[in-house]
Amino acid sequence: MEAQIEESVFGPSQGDVPASAEHLQSRNKKTGLLLSRKHILQQLERSADERYSELLRRTLADLDAQIGKWP
């Protein structure tokens, strides 16, 4: 599943062209942020406590801002 997420975010792999360490780190960071976002959304859907839901919404906004910084 992680490979599917990476491909949807970063497109198909480049074949035999080795990726730079910086590119791999960037890709892994963005993938981690996207997985965190998905987890927060799932928690938000299940939350019955309004204060906790507000915390989750702020966390989601922060994740969205961080994701927006990545190419």
N, C-alpha and C. Protein backbone atom coordinates (compact mmCIF):
# COMPACT_ATOMS: atom_id res chain seq x y z
N MET A 1 0.83 -1.20 0.00
CA MET A 1 0.00 0.00 0.00
C MET A 1 0.87 1.26 0.00
N GLU A 2 1.98 1.23 0.74
CA GLU A 2 2.85 2.40 0.79
C GLU A 2 3.38 2.73 -0.60
N ALA A 3 3.69 1.69 -1.38
CA ALA A 3 4.20 1.92 -2.74
C ALA A 3 3.13 2.60 -3.59
N GLN A 4 1.87 2.23 -3.39
CA GLN A 4 0.78 2.86 -4.13
C GLN A 4 0.64 4.33 -3.76
N ILE A 5 0.79 4.63 -2.49
CA ILE A 5 0.71 6.03 -2.05
C ILE A 5 1.86 6.82 -2.66
N GLU A 6 3.07 6.26 -2.60
CA GLU A 6 4.21 6.96 -3.17
C GLU A 6 4.03 7.19 -4.66
N GLU A 7 3.53 6.18 -5.38
CA GLU A 7 3.35 6.35 -6.82
C GLU A 7 2.29 7.39 -7.12
N SER A 8 1.22 7.44 -6.32
CA SER A 8 0.19 8.44 -6.57
C SER A 8 0.68 9.85 -6.28
N VAL A 9 1.61 9.97 -5.32
CA VAL A 9 2.14 11.28 -4.95
C VAL A 9 3.27 11.71 -5.87
N PHE A 10 4.16 10.77 -6.18
CA PHE A 10 5.38 11.11 -6.90
C PHE A 10 5.40 10.61 -8.34
N GLY A 11 4.36 9.94 -8.78
CA GLY A 11 4.35 9.43 -10.14
C GLY A 11 5.08 8.10 -10.21
N PRO A 12 5.07 7.50 -11.39
CA PRO A 12 5.74 6.21 -11.54
C PRO A 12 7.24 6.33 -11.32
N SER A 13 7.85 5.22 -10.95
CA SER A 13 9.28 5.25 -10.68
C SER A 13 10.05 5.57 -11.94
N GLN A 14 11.27 6.02 -11.75
CA GLN A 14 12.10 6.48 -12.85
C GLN A 14 12.90 5.35 -13.49
N GLY A 15 12.56 4.10 -13.24
CA GLY A 15 13.28 3.00 -13.85
C GLY A 15 14.63 2.78 -13.20
N ASP A 16 15.69 2.73 -14.00
CA ASP A 16 17.03 2.44 -13.50
C ASP A 16 17.79 3.67 -13.02
N VAL A 17 17.19 4.83 -13.09
CA VAL A 17 17.87 6.05 -12.66
C VAL A 17 17.88 6.09 -11.14
N PRO A 18 19.06 6.03 -10.53
CA PRO A 18 19.10 6.06 -9.06
C PRO A 18 18.70 7.44 -8.53
N ALA A 19 17.93 7.42 -7.48
CA ALA A 19 17.49 8.68 -6.87
C ALA A 19 18.57 9.16 -5.90
N SER A 20 18.71 10.45 -5.79
CA SER A 20 19.68 11.00 -4.84
C SER A 20 19.17 10.80 -3.42
N ALA A 21 20.07 10.84 -2.48
CA ALA A 21 19.70 10.69 -1.08
C ALA A 21 18.74 11.80 -0.66
N GLU A 22 18.98 12.99 -1.17
CA GLU A 22 18.09 14.13 -0.86
C GLU A 22 16.69 13.88 -1.40
N HIS A 23 16.60 13.37 -2.61
CA HIS A 23 15.29 13.09 -3.22
C HIS A 23 14.56 12.01 -2.44
N LEU A 24 15.28 10.95 -2.04
CA LEU A 24 14.65 9.88 -1.26
C LEU A 24 14.17 10.39 0.09
N GLN A 25 14.97 11.23 0.73
CA GLN A 25 14.58 11.78 2.02
C GLN A 25 13.34 12.66 1.87
N SER A 26 13.31 13.46 0.83
CA SER A 26 12.17 14.33 0.57
C SER A 26 10.92 13.51 0.32
N ARG A 27 11.06 12.48 -0.48
CA ARG A 27 9.92 11.62 -0.81
C ARG A 27 9.41 10.92 0.44
N ASN A 28 10.32 10.42 1.25
CA ASN A 28 9.92 9.74 2.48
C ASN A 28 9.23 10.70 3.45
N LYS A 29 9.72 11.93 3.54
CA LYS A 29 9.11 12.93 4.42
C LYS A 29 7.68 13.23 3.98
N LYS A 30 7.49 13.43 2.68
CA LYS A 30 6.16 13.75 2.17
C LYS A 30 5.21 12.56 2.37
N THR A 31 5.70 11.36 2.12
CA THR A 31 4.88 10.17 2.33
C THR A 31 4.46 10.06 3.79
N GLY A 32 5.38 10.32 4.69
CA GLY A 32 5.06 10.28 6.12
C GLY A 32 4.02 11.31 6.50
N LEU A 33 4.15 12.51 5.95
CA LEU A 33 3.16 13.55 6.22
C LEU A 33 1.78 13.15 5.71
N LEU A 34 1.72 12.56 4.52
CA LEU A 34 0.44 12.14 3.95
C LEU A 34 -0.19 11.01 4.75
N LEU A 35 0.62 10.09 5.24
CA LEU A 35 0.10 9.02 6.08
C LEU A 35 -0.40 9.57 7.42
N SER A 36 0.32 10.52 7.97
CA SER A 36 -0.12 11.16 9.22
C SER A 36 -1.45 11.87 9.01
N ARG A 37 -1.58 12.55 7.88
CA ARG A 37 -2.82 13.26 7.57
C ARG A 37 -3.99 12.28 7.49
N LYS A 38 -3.76 11.15 6.85
CA LYS A 38 -4.82 10.15 6.73
C LYS A 38 -5.23 9.64 8.11
N HIS A 39 -4.25 9.42 8.97
CA HIS A 39 -4.53 8.94 10.33
C HIS A 39 -5.33 9.98 11.12
N ILE A 40 -4.95 11.23 11.01
CA ILE A 40 -5.66 12.30 11.73
C ILE A 40 -7.10 12.39 11.23
N LEU A 41 -7.31 12.28 9.92
CA LEU A 41 -8.67 12.32 9.38
C LEU A 41 -9.52 11.18 9.94
N GLN A 42 -8.93 10.00 10.05
CA GLN A 42 -9.67 8.86 10.61
C GLN A 42 -10.03 9.12 12.06
N GLN A 43 -9.11 9.67 12.82
CA GLN A 43 -9.39 9.99 14.22
C GLN A 43 -10.49 11.05 14.32
N LEU A 44 -10.44 12.03 13.45
CA LEU A 44 -11.43 13.11 13.46
C LEU A 44 -12.83 12.57 13.18
N GLU A 45 -12.93 11.61 12.28
CA GLU A 45 -14.22 11.01 11.96
C GLU A 45 -14.82 10.28 13.15
N ARG A 46 -13.96 9.71 14.00
CA ARG A 46 -14.43 8.92 15.14
C ARG A 46 -14.57 9.72 16.43
N SER A 47 -14.07 10.92 16.46
CA SER A 47 -14.03 11.69 17.69
C SER A 47 -15.42 12.23 18.06
N ALA A 48 -15.75 12.03 19.33
CA ALA A 48 -17.01 12.57 19.86
C ALA A 48 -16.76 13.78 20.76
N ASP A 49 -15.52 13.97 21.15
CA ASP A 49 -15.15 15.06 22.05
C ASP A 49 -14.79 16.29 21.21
N GLU A 50 -15.51 17.38 21.40
CA GLU A 50 -15.31 18.58 20.60
C GLU A 50 -13.93 19.19 20.80
N ARG A 51 -13.42 19.18 22.02
CA ARG A 51 -12.08 19.74 22.25
C ARG A 51 -11.01 18.92 21.54
N TYR A 52 -11.15 17.61 21.58
CA TYR A 52 -10.20 16.75 20.88
C TYR A 52 -10.33 16.94 19.36
N SER A 53 -11.55 17.09 18.88
CA SER A 53 -11.77 17.32 17.45
C SER A 53 -11.12 18.63 17.01
N GLU A 54 -11.18 19.65 17.85
CA GLU A 54 -10.54 20.92 17.52
C GLU A 54 -9.03 20.76 17.44
N LEU A 55 -8.47 20.01 18.38
CA LEU A 55 -7.03 19.73 18.35
C LEU A 55 -6.67 18.99 17.05
N LEU A 56 -7.48 18.03 16.66
CA LEU A 56 -7.22 17.29 15.42
C LEU A 56 -7.32 18.19 14.21
N ARG A 57 -8.28 19.12 14.20
CA ARG A 57 -8.42 20.05 13.07
C ARG A 57 -7.19 20.96 12.96
N ARG A 58 -6.68 21.42 14.11
CA ARG A 58 -5.46 22.25 14.09
C ARG A 58 -4.26 21.44 13.61
N THR A 59 -4.18 20.20 14.04
CA THR A 59 -3.09 19.32 13.60
C THR A 59 -3.20 19.09 12.10
N LEU A 60 -4.40 18.88 11.61
CA LEU A 60 -4.63 18.68 10.18
C LEU A 60 -4.21 19.92 9.38
N ALA A 61 -4.54 21.09 9.88
CA ALA A 61 -4.15 22.33 9.21
C ALA A 61 -2.63 22.46 9.16
N ASP A 62 -1.97 22.09 10.26
CA ASP A 62 -0.51 22.15 10.29
C ASP A 62 0.10 21.16 9.29
N LEU A 63 -0.45 19.96 9.23
CA LEU A 63 0.04 18.97 8.26
C LEU A 63 -0.18 19.46 6.83
N ASP A 64 -1.33 20.05 6.57
CA ASP A 64 -1.61 20.57 5.23
C ASP A 64 -0.60 21.65 4.85
N ALA A 65 -0.25 22.50 5.81
CA ALA A 65 0.74 23.55 5.54
C ALA A 65 2.11 22.94 5.23
N GLN A 66 2.48 21.91 5.99
CA GLN A 66 3.76 21.26 5.74
C GLN A 66 3.76 20.53 4.39
N ILE A 67 2.68 19.87 4.06
CA ILE A 67 2.58 19.17 2.77
C ILE A 67 2.64 20.16 1.63
N GLY A 68 2.04 21.33 1.81
CA GLY A 68 2.04 22.35 0.78
C GLY A 68 3.43 22.89 0.43
N LYS A 69 4.38 22.71 1.33
CA LYS A 69 5.74 23.17 1.09
C LYS A 69 6.54 22.22 0.21
N TRP A 70 6.07 20.99 0.05
CA TRP A 70 6.81 20.00 -0.74
C TRP A 70 6.38 20.05 -2.20
N PRO A 71 7.34 19.88 -3.09
CA PRO A 71 7.00 19.89 -4.54
C PRO A 71 6.18 18.70 -4.96
